[in-house]
């Protein structure tokens, strides 16, 4: 392949990649209500349950190998709890710190299995995913992610 043809093919690929990335985004100034969420504002964020009961703070964020955020890891009293990303509802304070609300009661939250830093669960084991999502009255799966994005 000649250098000109190679450059042209590269330019076409780059243009296509930019178009794909921009496809799902609203142009600036179009009134979009989408607010970017930075990981920095989530780590250490307070987590609250129904009724405002404190559940702990965000200790970690779990991403798939595809770069999709799937879970928040909430820490309280040395114990960790897995929270599906879809269970978290965000609100931001004036200083851009996040407060994450979970639509579960304190009793439901206490029933969720905990673990320590030495024994992280197999997040992508289908049985584990089903069990964790069930505590939050959610269903795991890629289709659910696509629905949420739309």
N, C-alpha and C. Protein backbone atom coordinates (compact mmCIF):
# COMPACT_ATOMS: atom_id res chain seq x y z
N UNK A 1 0.86 -1.17 0.00
CA UNK A 1 0.00 0.00 0.00
C UNK A 1 0.90 1.23 0.00
N UNK A 2 0.56 2.21 -0.83
CA UNK A 2 1.38 3.40 -0.91
C UNK A 2 1.20 4.27 0.33
N UNK A 3 2.13 5.17 0.53
CA UNK A 3 2.05 6.07 1.69
C UNK A 3 0.81 6.96 1.62
N UNK A 4 0.45 7.41 0.44
CA UNK A 4 -0.72 8.28 0.29
C UNK A 4 -1.98 7.51 0.66
N UNK A 5 -2.07 6.28 0.15
CA UNK A 5 -3.25 5.46 0.47
C UNK A 5 -3.31 5.17 1.96
N UNK A 6 -2.15 4.92 2.58
CA UNK A 6 -2.09 4.63 4.01
C UNK A 6 -2.50 5.85 4.81
N UNK A 7 -2.04 7.04 4.43
CA UNK A 7 -2.44 8.28 5.12
C UNK A 7 -3.94 8.53 4.97
N UNK A 8 -4.46 8.30 3.78
CA UNK A 8 -5.89 8.50 3.54
C UNK A 8 -6.71 7.54 4.40
N UNK A 9 -6.29 6.29 4.45
CA UNK A 9 -7.00 5.30 5.26
C UNK A 9 -6.94 5.68 6.74
N UNK A 10 -5.79 6.16 7.19
CA UNK A 10 -5.65 6.59 8.58
C UNK A 10 -6.57 7.77 8.88
N UNK A 11 -6.64 8.72 7.97
CA UNK A 11 -7.49 9.91 8.16
C UNK A 11 -8.96 9.50 8.21
N UNK A 12 -9.36 8.57 7.36
CA UNK A 12 -10.75 8.10 7.36
C UNK A 12 -11.07 7.41 8.68
N UNK A 13 -10.16 6.56 9.16
CA UNK A 13 -10.37 5.86 10.43
C UNK A 13 -10.48 6.85 11.59
N UNK A 14 -9.61 7.86 11.61
CA UNK A 14 -9.64 8.86 12.68
C UNK A 14 -10.94 9.65 12.65
N UNK A 15 -11.37 10.04 11.45
CA UNK A 15 -12.63 10.77 11.31
C UNK A 15 -13.80 9.92 11.78
N UNK A 16 -13.81 8.65 11.43
CA UNK A 16 -14.88 7.75 11.85
C UNK A 16 -14.89 7.59 13.37
N UNK A 17 -13.71 7.47 13.97
CA UNK A 17 -13.62 7.32 15.43
C UNK A 17 -14.16 8.56 16.14
N UNK A 18 -13.80 9.74 15.65
CA UNK A 18 -14.29 10.98 16.25
C UNK A 18 -15.80 11.08 16.10
N UNK A 19 -16.31 10.70 14.93
CA UNK A 19 -17.76 10.75 14.70
C UNK A 19 -18.49 9.81 15.64
N UNK A 20 -17.96 8.62 15.86
CA UNK A 20 -18.59 7.66 16.78
C UNK A 20 -18.59 8.20 18.20
N UNK A 21 -17.50 8.79 18.64
CA UNK A 21 -17.43 9.35 19.99
C UNK A 21 -18.39 10.52 20.16
N UNK A 22 -18.53 11.34 19.14
CA UNK A 22 -19.38 12.52 19.23
C UNK A 22 -20.85 12.19 19.03
N UNK A 23 -21.15 11.06 18.45
CA UNK A 23 -22.52 10.69 18.11
C UNK A 23 -23.47 10.78 19.30
N UNK A 24 -23.09 10.25 20.44
CA UNK A 24 -23.97 10.22 21.59
C UNK A 24 -23.89 11.46 22.46
N UNK A 25 -23.12 12.46 22.07
CA UNK A 25 -22.94 13.64 22.90
C UNK A 25 -23.70 14.83 22.34
N UNK A 26 -24.23 15.64 23.23
CA UNK A 26 -24.89 16.87 22.82
C UNK A 26 -23.85 17.96 22.66
N UNK A 27 -23.98 18.79 21.63
CA UNK A 27 -23.03 19.89 21.47
C UNK A 27 -23.15 20.88 22.63
N UNK A 28 -22.05 21.55 22.99
CA UNK A 28 -22.10 22.53 24.06
C UNK A 28 -23.15 23.60 23.78
N UNK A 29 -23.84 24.02 24.84
CA UNK A 29 -24.82 25.08 24.70
C UNK A 29 -26.18 24.63 24.20
N UNK A 30 -26.42 23.31 24.11
CA UNK A 30 -27.71 22.84 23.61
C UNK A 30 -28.70 22.56 24.74
N UNK A 31 -28.36 22.95 25.95
CA UNK A 31 -29.29 22.76 27.06
C UNK A 31 -29.25 21.36 27.64
N UNK A 32 -28.25 20.62 27.37
CA UNK A 32 -28.14 19.26 27.90
C UNK A 32 -28.08 19.31 29.42
N UNK A 33 -28.78 18.37 30.07
CA UNK A 33 -28.74 18.33 31.53
C UNK A 33 -27.77 17.28 32.03
N UNK A 34 -26.87 16.82 31.18
CA UNK A 34 -25.88 15.82 31.56
C UNK A 34 -24.73 16.52 32.27
N UNK A 35 -24.40 16.03 33.45
CA UNK A 35 -23.29 16.58 34.21
C UNK A 35 -22.21 15.51 34.32
N UNK A 36 -20.98 15.82 33.97
CA UNK A 36 -19.92 14.82 34.09
C UNK A 36 -19.66 14.49 35.56
N UNK A 37 -19.38 13.22 35.81
CA UNK A 37 -19.06 12.76 37.16
C UNK A 37 -17.61 12.34 37.16
N UNK A 38 -16.80 12.97 37.98
CA UNK A 38 -15.38 12.63 38.06
C UNK A 38 -15.15 11.65 39.18
N UNK A 39 -14.30 10.67 38.95
CA UNK A 39 -13.99 9.67 39.96
C UNK A 39 -13.48 10.34 41.23
N UNK A 40 -12.73 11.41 41.07
CA UNK A 40 -12.18 12.14 42.21
C UNK A 40 -13.28 12.62 43.17
N UNK A 41 -14.44 13.00 42.60
CA UNK A 41 -15.53 13.47 43.45
C UNK A 41 -16.31 12.33 44.09
N UNK A 42 -16.13 11.11 43.58
CA UNK A 42 -16.84 9.95 44.13
C UNK A 42 -16.07 9.27 45.25
N UNK A 43 -14.76 9.17 45.11
CA UNK A 43 -13.96 8.50 46.14
C UNK A 43 -14.06 9.28 47.45
N UNK A 44 -14.50 8.62 48.48
CA UNK A 44 -14.68 9.27 49.77
C UNK A 44 -16.05 9.90 49.94
N UNK A 45 -16.89 9.82 48.90
CA UNK A 45 -18.24 10.41 48.99
C UNK A 45 -19.07 9.68 50.02
N UNK A 46 -19.94 10.42 50.68
CA UNK A 46 -20.86 9.85 51.66
C UNK A 46 -21.96 9.08 50.95
N UNK A 47 -22.34 7.94 51.52
CA UNK A 47 -23.42 7.12 50.96
C UNK A 47 -24.54 7.10 51.99
N UNK A 48 -25.76 7.37 51.53
CA UNK A 48 -26.93 7.40 52.42
C UNK A 48 -27.99 6.43 51.93
N UNK A 49 -28.74 5.89 52.87
CA UNK A 49 -29.84 4.98 52.58
C UNK A 49 -31.15 5.74 52.67
N UNK A 50 -32.26 5.04 52.44
CA UNK A 50 -33.57 5.66 52.60
C UNK A 50 -33.67 6.26 54.00
N UNK A 51 -34.24 7.42 54.10
CA UNK A 51 -34.37 8.09 55.39
C UNK A 51 -33.12 8.83 55.81
N UNK A 52 -32.10 8.84 54.97
CA UNK A 52 -30.88 9.58 55.28
C UNK A 52 -29.89 8.87 56.17
N UNK A 53 -30.12 7.61 56.48
CA UNK A 53 -29.19 6.85 57.31
C UNK A 53 -27.85 6.68 56.60
N UNK A 54 -26.76 6.98 57.30
CA UNK A 54 -25.42 6.86 56.72
C UNK A 54 -25.07 5.39 56.50
N UNK A 55 -24.50 5.11 55.32
CA UNK A 55 -24.10 3.74 54.98
C UNK A 55 -22.59 3.60 54.87
N UNK A 56 -21.85 4.71 54.90
CA UNK A 56 -20.40 4.66 54.77
C UNK A 56 -19.92 5.62 53.69
N UNK A 57 -18.74 5.33 53.17
CA UNK A 57 -18.14 6.16 52.12
C UNK A 57 -17.67 5.28 50.97
N UNK A 58 -17.56 5.88 49.79
CA UNK A 58 -17.07 5.16 48.62
C UNK A 58 -15.57 4.94 48.78
N UNK A 59 -15.18 3.69 48.82
CA UNK A 59 -13.79 3.28 48.99
C UNK A 59 -13.11 3.06 47.64
N UNK A 60 -13.88 2.52 46.68
CA UNK A 60 -13.28 2.12 45.41
C UNK A 60 -14.36 2.10 44.33
N UNK A 61 -13.92 2.06 43.09
CA UNK A 61 -14.80 1.97 41.93
C UNK A 61 -14.31 0.80 41.09
N UNK A 62 -15.24 -0.07 40.66
CA UNK A 62 -14.87 -1.25 39.87
C UNK A 62 -15.33 -1.04 38.43
N UNK A 63 -14.37 -1.15 37.51
CA UNK A 63 -14.65 -1.04 36.08
C UNK A 63 -14.42 -2.38 35.42
N UNK A 64 -15.21 -2.66 34.38
CA UNK A 64 -14.99 -3.87 33.59
C UNK A 64 -13.76 -3.67 32.72
N UNK A 65 -13.32 -4.74 32.08
CA UNK A 65 -12.17 -4.59 31.18
C UNK A 65 -12.53 -3.81 29.93
N UNK A 66 -13.83 -3.49 29.76
CA UNK A 66 -14.28 -2.65 28.66
C UNK A 66 -14.33 -1.18 29.06
N UNK A 67 -14.01 -0.88 30.33
CA UNK A 67 -14.01 0.49 30.82
C UNK A 67 -15.35 0.97 31.31
N UNK A 68 -16.28 0.05 31.56
CA UNK A 68 -17.61 0.41 32.05
C UNK A 68 -17.61 0.34 33.57
N UNK A 69 -18.10 1.40 34.22
CA UNK A 69 -18.20 1.40 35.67
C UNK A 69 -19.36 0.50 36.06
N UNK A 70 -19.07 -0.54 36.82
CA UNK A 70 -20.11 -1.49 37.22
C UNK A 70 -20.47 -1.41 38.69
N UNK A 71 -19.50 -1.11 39.55
CA UNK A 71 -19.77 -1.13 40.99
C UNK A 71 -19.05 -0.01 41.72
N UNK A 72 -19.66 0.38 42.83
CA UNK A 72 -18.99 1.19 43.84
C UNK A 72 -18.74 0.27 45.02
N UNK A 73 -17.61 0.44 45.68
CA UNK A 73 -17.32 -0.32 46.89
C UNK A 73 -17.46 0.66 48.04
N UNK A 74 -18.40 0.36 48.94
CA UNK A 74 -18.70 1.23 50.07
C UNK A 74 -18.07 0.63 51.32
N UNK A 75 -17.40 1.48 52.08
CA UNK A 75 -16.72 1.07 53.30
C UNK A 75 -17.40 1.68 54.52
N UNK A 76 -17.59 0.83 55.53
CA UNK A 76 -18.08 1.32 56.81
C UNK A 76 -17.57 0.38 57.90
N UNK A 77 -16.84 0.95 58.83
CA UNK A 77 -16.34 0.18 59.96
C UNK A 77 -15.44 -0.98 59.56
N UNK A 78 -14.65 -0.81 58.52
CA UNK A 78 -13.72 -1.86 58.10
C UNK A 78 -14.35 -2.94 57.23
N UNK A 79 -15.63 -2.85 56.98
CA UNK A 79 -16.32 -3.82 56.13
C UNK A 79 -16.66 -3.16 54.80
N UNK A 80 -16.60 -3.95 53.73
CA UNK A 80 -16.88 -3.45 52.39
C UNK A 80 -18.18 -4.06 51.86
N UNK A 81 -18.91 -3.26 51.08
CA UNK A 81 -20.17 -3.69 50.47
C UNK A 81 -20.12 -3.32 49.00
N UNK A 82 -20.56 -4.23 48.14
CA UNK A 82 -20.63 -3.96 46.71
C UNK A 82 -21.96 -3.30 46.39
N UNK A 83 -21.90 -2.18 45.67
CA UNK A 83 -23.10 -1.46 45.26
C UNK A 83 -23.07 -1.36 43.73
N UNK A 84 -24.06 -1.92 43.04
CA UNK A 84 -24.11 -1.75 41.59
C UNK A 84 -24.20 -0.27 41.23
N UNK A 85 -23.50 0.12 40.19
CA UNK A 85 -23.51 1.50 39.74
C UNK A 85 -24.94 1.99 39.52
N UNK A 86 -25.80 1.13 38.98
CA UNK A 86 -27.17 1.52 38.69
C UNK A 86 -28.00 1.76 39.95
N UNK A 87 -27.55 1.32 41.09
CA UNK A 87 -28.29 1.53 42.34
C UNK A 87 -28.00 2.90 42.93
N UNK A 88 -26.94 3.54 42.47
CA UNK A 88 -26.50 4.82 43.05
C UNK A 88 -27.18 6.00 42.36
N UNK A 89 -27.72 6.87 43.16
CA UNK A 89 -28.30 8.13 42.68
C UNK A 89 -27.44 9.25 43.26
N UNK A 90 -26.96 10.12 42.41
CA UNK A 90 -26.00 11.13 42.82
C UNK A 90 -26.64 12.49 43.05
N UNK A 91 -26.14 13.16 44.05
CA UNK A 91 -26.45 14.58 44.23
C UNK A 91 -25.14 15.24 44.62
N UNK A 92 -24.96 16.47 44.18
CA UNK A 92 -23.70 17.15 44.41
C UNK A 92 -23.92 18.38 45.27
N UNK A 93 -23.00 18.59 46.18
CA UNK A 93 -23.04 19.76 47.06
C UNK A 93 -22.42 20.94 46.33
N UNK A 94 -22.49 22.11 46.93
CA UNK A 94 -21.93 23.32 46.31
C UNK A 94 -20.42 23.21 46.08
N UNK A 95 -19.75 22.45 46.94
CA UNK A 95 -18.29 22.31 46.80
C UNK A 95 -17.91 21.13 45.89
N UNK A 96 -18.89 20.64 45.09
CA UNK A 96 -18.70 19.53 44.16
C UNK A 96 -18.41 18.19 44.81
N UNK A 97 -18.68 18.06 46.10
CA UNK A 97 -18.57 16.74 46.70
C UNK A 97 -19.87 16.00 46.44
N UNK A 98 -19.76 14.71 46.24
CA UNK A 98 -20.94 13.90 45.91
C UNK A 98 -21.53 13.28 47.17
N UNK A 99 -22.84 13.14 47.14
CA UNK A 99 -23.56 12.35 48.12
C UNK A 99 -24.29 11.31 47.29
N UNK A 100 -24.13 10.06 47.66
CA UNK A 100 -24.73 8.98 46.89
C UNK A 100 -25.86 8.38 47.71
N UNK A 101 -27.03 8.33 47.12
CA UNK A 101 -28.21 7.81 47.79
C UNK A 101 -28.56 6.45 47.22
N UNK A 102 -28.88 5.52 48.10
CA UNK A 102 -29.31 4.18 47.70
C UNK A 102 -30.76 4.00 48.09
N UNK A 103 -31.54 3.44 47.20
CA UNK A 103 -32.96 3.25 47.46
C UNK A 103 -33.21 1.91 48.16
N UNK A 104 -32.55 1.73 49.29
CA UNK A 104 -32.76 0.55 50.13
C UNK A 104 -32.90 1.02 51.57
N UNK A 105 -33.62 0.24 52.34
CA UNK A 105 -33.78 0.57 53.76
C UNK A 105 -32.54 0.13 54.52
N UNK A 106 -32.35 0.66 55.72
CA UNK A 106 -31.22 0.19 56.53
C UNK A 106 -31.29 -1.32 56.79
N UNK A 107 -32.48 -1.86 56.95
CA UNK A 107 -32.62 -3.31 57.18
C UNK A 107 -32.17 -4.11 55.96
N UNK A 108 -32.56 -3.65 54.77
CA UNK A 108 -32.13 -4.32 53.54
C UNK A 108 -30.61 -4.24 53.39
N UNK A 109 -30.06 -3.10 53.71
CA UNK A 109 -28.62 -2.89 53.56
C UNK A 109 -27.83 -3.79 54.50
N UNK A 110 -28.33 -3.99 55.72
CA UNK A 110 -27.64 -4.86 56.69
C UNK A 110 -27.61 -6.31 56.22
N UNK A 111 -28.56 -6.70 55.37
CA UNK A 111 -28.62 -8.08 54.88
C UNK A 111 -27.61 -8.36 53.77
N UNK A 112 -27.04 -7.31 53.19
CA UNK A 112 -26.08 -7.49 52.09
C UNK A 112 -24.77 -8.01 52.66
N UNK A 113 -24.23 -9.09 52.07
CA UNK A 113 -22.96 -9.64 52.57
C UNK A 113 -21.82 -8.63 52.46
N UNK A 114 -20.95 -8.65 53.46
CA UNK A 114 -19.78 -7.77 53.48
C UNK A 114 -18.52 -8.62 53.30
N UNK A 115 -17.42 -7.94 53.07
CA UNK A 115 -16.12 -8.60 52.92
C UNK A 115 -15.05 -7.62 53.32
N UNK A 116 -13.82 -8.11 53.43
CA UNK A 116 -12.68 -7.27 53.80
C UNK A 116 -11.77 -7.05 52.61
N UNK A 117 -10.76 -6.23 52.82
CA UNK A 117 -9.83 -5.89 51.74
C UNK A 117 -8.98 -7.08 51.31
N UNK A 118 -8.92 -8.11 52.12
CA UNK A 118 -8.11 -9.29 51.78
C UNK A 118 -8.88 -10.30 50.94
N UNK A 119 -10.20 -10.14 50.82
CA UNK A 119 -11.01 -11.16 50.16
C UNK A 119 -12.07 -10.58 49.23
N UNK A 120 -11.65 -9.84 48.24
CA UNK A 120 -12.61 -9.26 47.30
C UNK A 120 -13.38 -10.38 46.59
N UNK A 121 -14.66 -10.17 46.32
CA UNK A 121 -15.46 -11.19 45.64
C UNK A 121 -15.14 -11.24 44.15
N UNK A 122 -15.67 -12.25 43.49
CA UNK A 122 -15.54 -12.36 42.04
C UNK A 122 -16.69 -11.55 41.43
N UNK A 123 -16.44 -10.27 41.19
CA UNK A 123 -17.47 -9.33 40.76
C UNK A 123 -18.23 -9.78 39.52
N UNK A 124 -17.56 -10.49 38.61
CA UNK A 124 -18.19 -10.84 37.35
C UNK A 124 -18.64 -12.29 37.28
N UNK A 125 -18.66 -12.97 38.41
CA UNK A 125 -19.25 -14.30 38.49
C UNK A 125 -20.76 -14.11 38.38
N UNK A 126 -21.44 -14.78 37.42
CA UNK A 126 -22.88 -14.56 37.22
C UNK A 126 -23.71 -14.77 38.50
N UNK A 127 -23.37 -15.75 39.31
CA UNK A 127 -24.12 -15.98 40.54
C UNK A 127 -23.95 -14.81 41.51
N UNK A 128 -22.71 -14.29 41.60
CA UNK A 128 -22.47 -13.15 42.49
C UNK A 128 -23.22 -11.91 42.00
N UNK A 129 -23.15 -11.66 40.70
CA UNK A 129 -23.84 -10.49 40.14
C UNK A 129 -25.34 -10.56 40.43
N UNK A 130 -25.93 -11.71 40.17
CA UNK A 130 -27.37 -11.87 40.39
C UNK A 130 -27.72 -11.63 41.85
N UNK A 131 -26.92 -12.19 42.75
CA UNK A 131 -27.16 -12.03 44.19
C UNK A 131 -27.07 -10.56 44.60
N UNK A 132 -26.01 -9.88 44.18
CA UNK A 132 -25.81 -8.49 44.58
C UNK A 132 -26.91 -7.59 44.02
N UNK A 133 -27.22 -7.74 42.76
CA UNK A 133 -28.25 -6.89 42.15
C UNK A 133 -29.61 -7.12 42.80
N UNK A 134 -29.87 -8.34 43.22
CA UNK A 134 -31.15 -8.67 43.85
C UNK A 134 -31.36 -7.85 45.13
N UNK A 135 -30.31 -7.62 45.90
CA UNK A 135 -30.42 -6.82 47.13
C UNK A 135 -30.90 -5.40 46.84
N UNK A 136 -30.59 -4.91 45.65
CA UNK A 136 -30.96 -3.54 45.28
C UNK A 136 -32.18 -3.51 44.35
N UNK A 137 -32.85 -4.66 44.20
CA UNK A 137 -34.02 -4.80 43.33
C UNK A 137 -33.71 -4.42 41.88
N UNK A 138 -32.54 -4.87 41.41
CA UNK A 138 -32.10 -4.60 40.05
C UNK A 138 -31.78 -5.91 39.34
N UNK A 139 -31.63 -5.83 38.03
CA UNK A 139 -31.26 -6.99 37.22
C UNK A 139 -29.94 -6.67 36.52
N UNK A 140 -28.93 -7.54 36.68
CA UNK A 140 -27.67 -7.28 35.98
C UNK A 140 -27.80 -7.56 34.48
N UNK A 141 -26.92 -6.94 33.72
CA UNK A 141 -26.89 -7.26 32.30
C UNK A 141 -26.54 -6.08 31.43
N UNK A 142 -26.03 -6.39 30.25
CA UNK A 142 -25.62 -5.35 29.30
C UNK A 142 -26.82 -4.58 28.78
N UNK A 143 -27.97 -5.22 28.58
CA UNK A 143 -29.13 -4.51 28.06
C UNK A 143 -29.59 -3.44 29.02
N UNK A 144 -29.50 -3.73 30.31
CA UNK A 144 -29.89 -2.76 31.32
C UNK A 144 -29.01 -1.53 31.21
N UNK A 145 -27.70 -1.73 30.99
CA UNK A 145 -26.78 -0.61 30.84
C UNK A 145 -27.16 0.26 29.64
N UNK A 146 -27.48 -0.40 28.53
CA UNK A 146 -27.84 0.34 27.33
C UNK A 146 -29.12 1.13 27.54
N UNK A 147 -30.10 0.55 28.23
CA UNK A 147 -31.34 1.25 28.51
C UNK A 147 -31.09 2.48 29.36
N UNK A 148 -30.21 2.37 30.35
CA UNK A 148 -29.96 3.49 31.23
C UNK A 148 -29.30 4.64 30.47
N UNK A 149 -28.42 4.31 29.54
CA UNK A 149 -27.72 5.36 28.78
C UNK A 149 -28.70 6.14 27.90
N UNK A 150 -29.74 5.47 27.41
CA UNK A 150 -30.71 6.13 26.54
C UNK A 150 -31.71 6.84 27.39
